[in-house]
N, C-alpha and C. Protein backbone atom coordinates (compact mmCIF):
# COMPACT_ATOMS: atom_id res chain seq x y z
N MET A 1 0.77 -1.21 0.01
CA MET A 1 -0.03 0.00 0.02
C MET A 1 0.85 1.24 0.03
N ASP A 2 1.92 1.33 0.84
CA ASP A 2 2.81 2.49 0.91
C ASP A 2 3.48 2.65 -0.42
N SER A 3 3.82 1.54 -1.13
CA SER A 3 4.54 1.71 -2.38
C SER A 3 3.59 2.37 -3.41
N MET A 4 2.35 2.00 -3.43
CA MET A 4 1.42 2.57 -4.34
C MET A 4 1.23 4.02 -4.06
N LEU A 5 1.04 4.41 -2.85
CA LEU A 5 0.92 5.85 -2.46
C LEU A 5 2.13 6.67 -2.89
N PHE A 6 3.29 6.06 -2.79
CA PHE A 6 4.52 6.81 -3.19
C PHE A 6 4.45 7.23 -4.67
N TRP A 7 3.89 6.43 -5.45
CA TRP A 7 3.89 6.72 -6.89
C TRP A 7 2.69 7.61 -7.34
N ILE A 8 1.84 7.98 -6.50
CA ILE A 8 0.69 8.85 -6.85
C ILE A 8 1.20 10.15 -7.33
N ALA A 9 2.02 10.86 -6.56
CA ALA A 9 2.50 12.19 -6.90
C ALA A 9 3.29 12.22 -8.16
N PRO A 10 4.29 11.37 -8.34
CA PRO A 10 5.07 11.31 -9.69
C PRO A 10 4.15 11.00 -10.78
N ALA A 11 3.23 10.11 -10.67
CA ALA A 11 2.33 9.74 -11.83
C ALA A 11 1.41 10.99 -12.15
N GLY A 12 0.90 11.60 -11.03
CA GLY A 12 0.02 12.79 -11.25
C GLY A 12 0.79 13.87 -11.94
N SER A 13 2.06 14.10 -11.56
CA SER A 13 2.95 15.14 -12.11
C SER A 13 3.09 14.93 -13.66
N ILE A 14 3.47 13.59 -14.00
CA ILE A 14 3.68 13.25 -15.38
C ILE A 14 2.38 13.44 -16.21
N ILE A 15 1.30 13.08 -15.71
CA ILE A 15 -0.04 13.27 -16.38
C ILE A 15 -0.28 14.71 -16.65
N ALA A 16 -0.02 15.53 -15.55
CA ALA A 16 -0.30 17.01 -15.67
C ALA A 16 0.67 17.55 -16.72
N LEU A 17 1.94 17.18 -16.76
CA LEU A 17 2.80 17.75 -17.74
C LEU A 17 2.38 17.28 -19.18
N LEU A 18 1.89 16.14 -19.24
CA LEU A 18 1.42 15.62 -20.57
C LEU A 18 0.25 16.51 -21.11
N PHE A 19 -0.71 16.72 -20.12
CA PHE A 19 -1.88 17.59 -20.51
C PHE A 19 -1.46 19.00 -20.80
N ALA A 20 -0.47 19.58 -20.08
CA ALA A 20 -0.05 20.90 -20.34
C ALA A 20 0.60 20.95 -21.77
N TYR A 21 1.37 19.96 -22.06
CA TYR A 21 1.97 19.95 -23.40
C TYR A 21 1.00 19.87 -24.54
N ILE A 22 -0.07 19.05 -24.36
CA ILE A 22 -1.18 18.87 -25.30
C ILE A 22 -1.83 20.16 -25.47
N PHE A 23 -2.17 20.84 -24.39
CA PHE A 23 -2.94 22.10 -24.47
C PHE A 23 -2.05 23.24 -25.15
N TYR A 24 -0.71 23.23 -24.75
CA TYR A 24 0.18 24.17 -25.44
C TYR A 24 0.19 24.01 -26.99
N LYS A 25 0.32 22.80 -27.42
CA LYS A 25 0.31 22.46 -28.82
C LYS A 25 -0.97 22.89 -29.53
N MET A 26 -2.10 22.70 -28.80
CA MET A 26 -3.45 23.15 -29.30
C MET A 26 -3.46 24.62 -29.51
N VAL A 27 -2.97 25.36 -28.53
CA VAL A 27 -2.92 26.78 -28.60
C VAL A 27 -1.99 27.29 -29.68
N MET A 28 -0.89 26.62 -29.84
CA MET A 28 0.11 27.08 -30.94
C MET A 28 -0.41 26.75 -32.35
N LYS A 29 -1.32 25.82 -32.47
CA LYS A 29 -1.89 25.58 -33.78
C LYS A 29 -2.90 26.57 -34.25
N ALA A 30 -3.46 27.39 -33.30
CA ALA A 30 -4.52 28.29 -33.55
C ALA A 30 -3.98 29.49 -34.47
N ASP A 31 -4.90 30.07 -35.24
CA ASP A 31 -4.53 31.22 -36.15
C ASP A 31 -4.04 32.38 -35.26
N LYS A 32 -2.91 33.00 -35.72
CA LYS A 32 -2.37 34.14 -35.03
C LYS A 32 -3.19 35.42 -35.19
N GLY A 33 -3.96 35.55 -36.22
CA GLY A 33 -4.69 36.68 -36.47
C GLY A 33 -3.94 37.52 -37.57
N ASN A 34 -4.53 38.85 -37.71
CA ASN A 34 -3.98 39.64 -38.83
C ASN A 34 -2.63 40.27 -38.28
N GLU A 35 -2.04 41.04 -39.15
CA GLU A 35 -0.76 41.67 -38.96
C GLU A 35 -0.68 42.57 -37.75
N THR A 36 -1.78 43.34 -37.62
CA THR A 36 -1.88 44.26 -36.47
C THR A 36 -1.94 43.48 -35.11
N MET A 37 -2.66 42.47 -35.14
CA MET A 37 -2.74 41.57 -33.92
C MET A 37 -1.33 41.00 -33.58
N VAL A 38 -0.60 40.56 -34.64
CA VAL A 38 0.67 40.01 -34.40
C VAL A 38 1.72 41.05 -33.88
N GLU A 39 1.53 42.26 -34.52
CA GLU A 39 2.53 43.38 -34.03
C GLU A 39 2.26 43.74 -32.58
N ILE A 40 0.94 43.83 -32.24
CA ILE A 40 0.63 44.21 -30.85
C ILE A 40 1.03 43.11 -29.92
N ALA A 41 0.78 41.85 -30.27
CA ALA A 41 1.21 40.67 -29.50
C ALA A 41 2.77 40.70 -29.34
N GLN A 42 3.46 41.02 -30.32
CA GLN A 42 4.98 41.05 -30.20
C GLN A 42 5.40 42.13 -29.23
N ALA A 43 4.69 43.29 -29.30
CA ALA A 43 5.07 44.36 -28.30
C ALA A 43 4.79 43.95 -26.90
N VAL A 44 3.70 43.30 -26.75
CA VAL A 44 3.29 42.83 -25.37
C VAL A 44 4.30 41.73 -24.88
N ARG A 45 4.69 40.89 -25.81
CA ARG A 45 5.60 39.86 -25.50
C ARG A 45 6.98 40.49 -25.07
N GLU A 46 7.47 41.45 -25.85
CA GLU A 46 8.71 42.10 -25.50
C GLU A 46 8.67 42.72 -24.16
N GLY A 47 7.52 43.43 -23.83
CA GLY A 47 7.41 44.09 -22.54
C GLY A 47 7.33 43.08 -21.38
N ALA A 48 6.60 41.97 -21.60
CA ALA A 48 6.46 41.00 -20.64
C ALA A 48 7.82 40.31 -20.29
N PHE A 49 8.56 40.09 -21.29
CA PHE A 49 9.84 39.44 -21.09
C PHE A 49 10.90 40.40 -20.44
N ALA A 50 10.77 41.72 -20.76
CA ALA A 50 11.60 42.67 -20.14
C ALA A 50 11.27 42.74 -18.63
N TYR A 51 10.01 42.65 -18.31
CA TYR A 51 9.56 42.70 -16.95
C TYR A 51 10.14 41.35 -16.24
N LEU A 52 9.92 40.25 -16.83
CA LEU A 52 10.41 38.99 -16.26
C LEU A 52 11.90 38.97 -16.01
N LYS A 53 12.63 39.50 -16.98
CA LYS A 53 14.09 39.66 -16.85
C LYS A 53 14.49 40.42 -15.60
N GLN A 54 13.87 41.55 -15.41
CA GLN A 54 14.07 42.46 -14.34
C GLN A 54 13.72 41.77 -13.00
N GLN A 55 12.58 41.14 -13.04
CA GLN A 55 12.10 40.43 -11.83
C GLN A 55 13.11 39.32 -11.51
N TYR A 56 13.57 38.56 -12.46
CA TYR A 56 14.47 37.42 -12.20
C TYR A 56 15.81 37.99 -11.69
N LYS A 57 16.21 39.15 -12.06
CA LYS A 57 17.48 39.67 -11.54
C LYS A 57 17.41 39.87 -9.98
N VAL A 58 16.32 40.42 -9.53
CA VAL A 58 16.08 40.71 -8.11
C VAL A 58 15.90 39.36 -7.36
N VAL A 59 15.10 38.51 -7.92
CA VAL A 59 14.78 37.17 -7.28
C VAL A 59 16.04 36.38 -7.17
N SER A 60 16.82 36.40 -8.19
CA SER A 60 18.11 35.56 -8.26
C SER A 60 19.05 36.02 -7.15
N LEU A 61 19.18 37.33 -6.91
CA LEU A 61 20.03 37.84 -5.86
C LEU A 61 19.62 37.31 -4.52
N VAL A 62 18.33 37.42 -4.20
CA VAL A 62 17.71 36.89 -2.89
C VAL A 62 17.93 35.37 -2.86
N PHE A 63 17.67 34.75 -3.94
CA PHE A 63 17.78 33.25 -4.04
C PHE A 63 19.23 32.79 -3.77
N VAL A 64 20.22 33.49 -4.32
CA VAL A 64 21.58 33.09 -4.01
C VAL A 64 21.92 33.32 -2.56
N ILE A 65 21.56 34.44 -1.97
CA ILE A 65 21.77 34.74 -0.56
C ILE A 65 21.15 33.62 0.33
N LEU A 66 19.90 33.25 0.08
CA LEU A 66 19.26 32.17 0.81
C LEU A 66 19.92 30.80 0.63
N VAL A 67 20.35 30.53 -0.54
CA VAL A 67 21.06 29.19 -0.80
C VAL A 67 22.35 29.18 0.07
N ILE A 68 23.10 30.25 0.01
CA ILE A 68 24.31 30.35 0.87
C ILE A 68 23.99 30.18 2.32
N LEU A 69 22.97 30.87 2.78
CA LEU A 69 22.53 30.79 4.22
C LEU A 69 22.13 29.36 4.59
N LEU A 70 21.27 28.74 3.73
CA LEU A 70 20.82 27.40 4.00
C LEU A 70 22.06 26.40 3.94
N SER A 71 23.02 26.64 2.99
CA SER A 71 24.12 25.76 2.95
C SER A 71 24.98 25.83 4.25
N ILE A 72 25.20 27.08 4.67
CA ILE A 72 25.90 27.26 5.90
C ILE A 72 25.27 26.59 7.07
N LEU A 73 23.89 26.66 7.17
CA LEU A 73 23.17 25.99 8.31
C LEU A 73 23.27 24.48 8.12
N ALA A 74 23.24 24.02 6.92
CA ALA A 74 23.35 22.56 6.72
C ALA A 74 24.77 22.11 7.07
N TYR A 75 25.74 22.88 6.72
CA TYR A 75 27.08 22.59 7.02
C TYR A 75 27.38 22.41 8.49
N TYR A 76 26.78 23.25 9.30
CA TYR A 76 26.96 23.17 10.73
C TYR A 76 25.89 22.25 11.40
N GLY A 77 25.15 21.52 10.72
CA GLY A 77 24.20 20.61 11.23
C GLY A 77 22.89 21.17 11.83
N ILE A 78 22.77 22.43 11.65
CA ILE A 78 21.46 23.14 12.13
C ILE A 78 20.32 22.75 11.29
N GLN A 79 20.56 22.52 10.03
CA GLN A 79 19.57 22.25 9.07
C GLN A 79 19.88 20.90 8.35
N ASN A 80 18.79 20.30 7.96
CA ASN A 80 18.97 18.96 7.20
C ASN A 80 19.84 19.24 5.92
N PRO A 81 20.81 18.37 5.61
CA PRO A 81 21.60 18.74 4.43
C PRO A 81 20.83 18.70 3.13
N PHE A 82 19.68 18.11 3.06
CA PHE A 82 18.94 18.06 1.85
C PHE A 82 18.15 19.39 1.60
N VAL A 83 17.99 20.29 2.59
CA VAL A 83 17.25 21.51 2.43
C VAL A 83 17.84 22.40 1.43
N PRO A 84 19.16 22.67 1.42
CA PRO A 84 19.71 23.48 0.27
C PRO A 84 19.42 22.95 -1.10
N PHE A 85 19.61 21.62 -1.25
CA PHE A 85 19.27 21.03 -2.61
C PHE A 85 17.77 21.22 -2.95
N ALA A 86 16.95 20.87 -1.95
CA ALA A 86 15.48 21.05 -2.24
C ALA A 86 15.16 22.51 -2.60
N PHE A 87 15.76 23.45 -1.89
CA PHE A 87 15.50 24.86 -2.20
C PHE A 87 16.03 25.23 -3.55
N LEU A 88 17.18 24.73 -3.98
CA LEU A 88 17.66 24.94 -5.35
C LEU A 88 16.76 24.38 -6.40
N THR A 89 16.39 23.23 -6.21
CA THR A 89 15.51 22.52 -7.31
C THR A 89 14.16 23.13 -7.29
N GLY A 90 13.63 23.52 -6.09
CA GLY A 90 12.36 24.19 -6.13
C GLY A 90 12.34 25.57 -6.74
N GLY A 91 13.49 26.31 -6.49
CA GLY A 91 13.61 27.66 -7.02
C GLY A 91 13.86 27.57 -8.52
N PHE A 92 14.60 26.61 -8.97
CA PHE A 92 14.84 26.48 -10.46
C PHE A 92 13.52 26.17 -11.14
N PHE A 93 12.78 25.18 -10.66
CA PHE A 93 11.54 24.75 -11.36
C PHE A 93 10.52 25.86 -11.27
N SER A 94 10.49 26.62 -10.14
CA SER A 94 9.56 27.74 -10.04
C SER A 94 9.89 28.83 -11.10
N GLY A 95 11.13 29.09 -11.31
CA GLY A 95 11.55 30.08 -12.31
C GLY A 95 11.32 29.57 -13.67
N LEU A 96 11.51 28.25 -13.94
CA LEU A 96 11.17 27.69 -15.17
C LEU A 96 9.66 27.73 -15.57
N CYS A 97 8.85 27.49 -14.55
CA CYS A 97 7.44 27.52 -14.78
C CYS A 97 6.96 28.97 -15.03
N GLY A 98 7.63 29.96 -14.37
CA GLY A 98 7.26 31.32 -14.65
C GLY A 98 7.64 31.71 -16.04
N PHE A 99 8.80 31.25 -16.54
CA PHE A 99 9.21 31.56 -17.92
C PHE A 99 8.26 30.88 -18.86
N LEU A 100 8.00 29.55 -18.71
CA LEU A 100 7.18 28.85 -19.68
C LEU A 100 5.68 29.35 -19.65
N GLY A 101 5.26 29.76 -18.43
CA GLY A 101 3.91 30.34 -18.37
C GLY A 101 3.85 31.69 -19.14
N MET A 102 4.81 32.51 -18.96
CA MET A 102 4.81 33.83 -19.62
C MET A 102 4.99 33.60 -21.14
N ASN A 103 5.76 32.72 -21.51
CA ASN A 103 5.93 32.38 -22.93
C ASN A 103 4.61 31.85 -23.59
N THR A 104 3.97 30.99 -22.87
CA THR A 104 2.67 30.46 -23.33
C THR A 104 1.60 31.61 -23.40
N ALA A 105 1.56 32.40 -22.34
CA ALA A 105 0.53 33.41 -22.30
C ALA A 105 0.72 34.48 -23.40
N THR A 106 2.01 34.91 -23.62
CA THR A 106 2.22 35.90 -24.64
C THR A 106 2.09 35.31 -26.04
N ASN A 107 2.27 34.03 -26.27
CA ASN A 107 2.05 33.40 -27.55
C ASN A 107 0.58 33.27 -27.79
N ALA A 108 -0.26 33.19 -26.74
CA ALA A 108 -1.63 32.95 -26.87
C ALA A 108 -2.51 34.24 -27.08
N SER A 109 -1.81 35.44 -26.86
CA SER A 109 -2.63 36.61 -26.80
C SER A 109 -3.29 36.92 -28.12
N SER A 110 -2.53 36.96 -29.20
CA SER A 110 -3.10 37.20 -30.58
C SER A 110 -4.07 36.12 -30.96
N ARG A 111 -3.72 34.90 -30.62
CA ARG A 111 -4.58 33.80 -30.97
C ARG A 111 -5.92 33.93 -30.32
N THR A 112 -5.89 34.34 -29.06
CA THR A 112 -7.16 34.57 -28.20
C THR A 112 -8.03 35.58 -28.96
N ALA A 113 -7.37 36.70 -29.20
CA ALA A 113 -8.14 37.87 -29.91
C ALA A 113 -8.72 37.39 -31.31
N GLN A 114 -7.90 36.52 -32.00
CA GLN A 114 -8.42 36.06 -33.33
C GLN A 114 -9.58 35.12 -33.05
N GLY A 115 -9.44 34.26 -32.05
CA GLY A 115 -10.54 33.36 -31.67
C GLY A 115 -11.83 34.10 -31.34
N ALA A 116 -11.65 35.25 -30.59
CA ALA A 116 -12.84 36.00 -30.26
C ALA A 116 -13.47 36.65 -31.53
N ARG A 117 -12.65 37.06 -32.53
CA ARG A 117 -13.18 37.64 -33.70
C ARG A 117 -13.98 36.64 -34.42
N GLU A 118 -13.50 35.43 -34.51
CA GLU A 118 -14.22 34.33 -35.23
C GLU A 118 -15.49 33.79 -34.59
N SER A 119 -15.60 34.02 -33.34
CA SER A 119 -16.77 33.42 -32.61
C SER A 119 -18.01 34.33 -32.69
């Protein structure tokens, strides 16, 4: 029973990633719209990624400081040695999800407007 429970989270994660990939492909197949829509979407995309770049600069500084602090605490036995590793992987995947989410959202903007025009 415990073995089966252990695999629920990894299996659920893989299924969720599969569905996210399928939905992403469905969005990317949609019509981008006319030239004006594409130009506006490109401007929004550039602004969104400029914002994300600035945000990641600040967050990465705090992130590095916290990793160093957690590593020192782990070195002295105050903290579990796996905590810095867990923090690193969690922070990395959080940043990756933010990037992929922004990428998907900005790619979908003109397609959403075109879909609204057609409906």
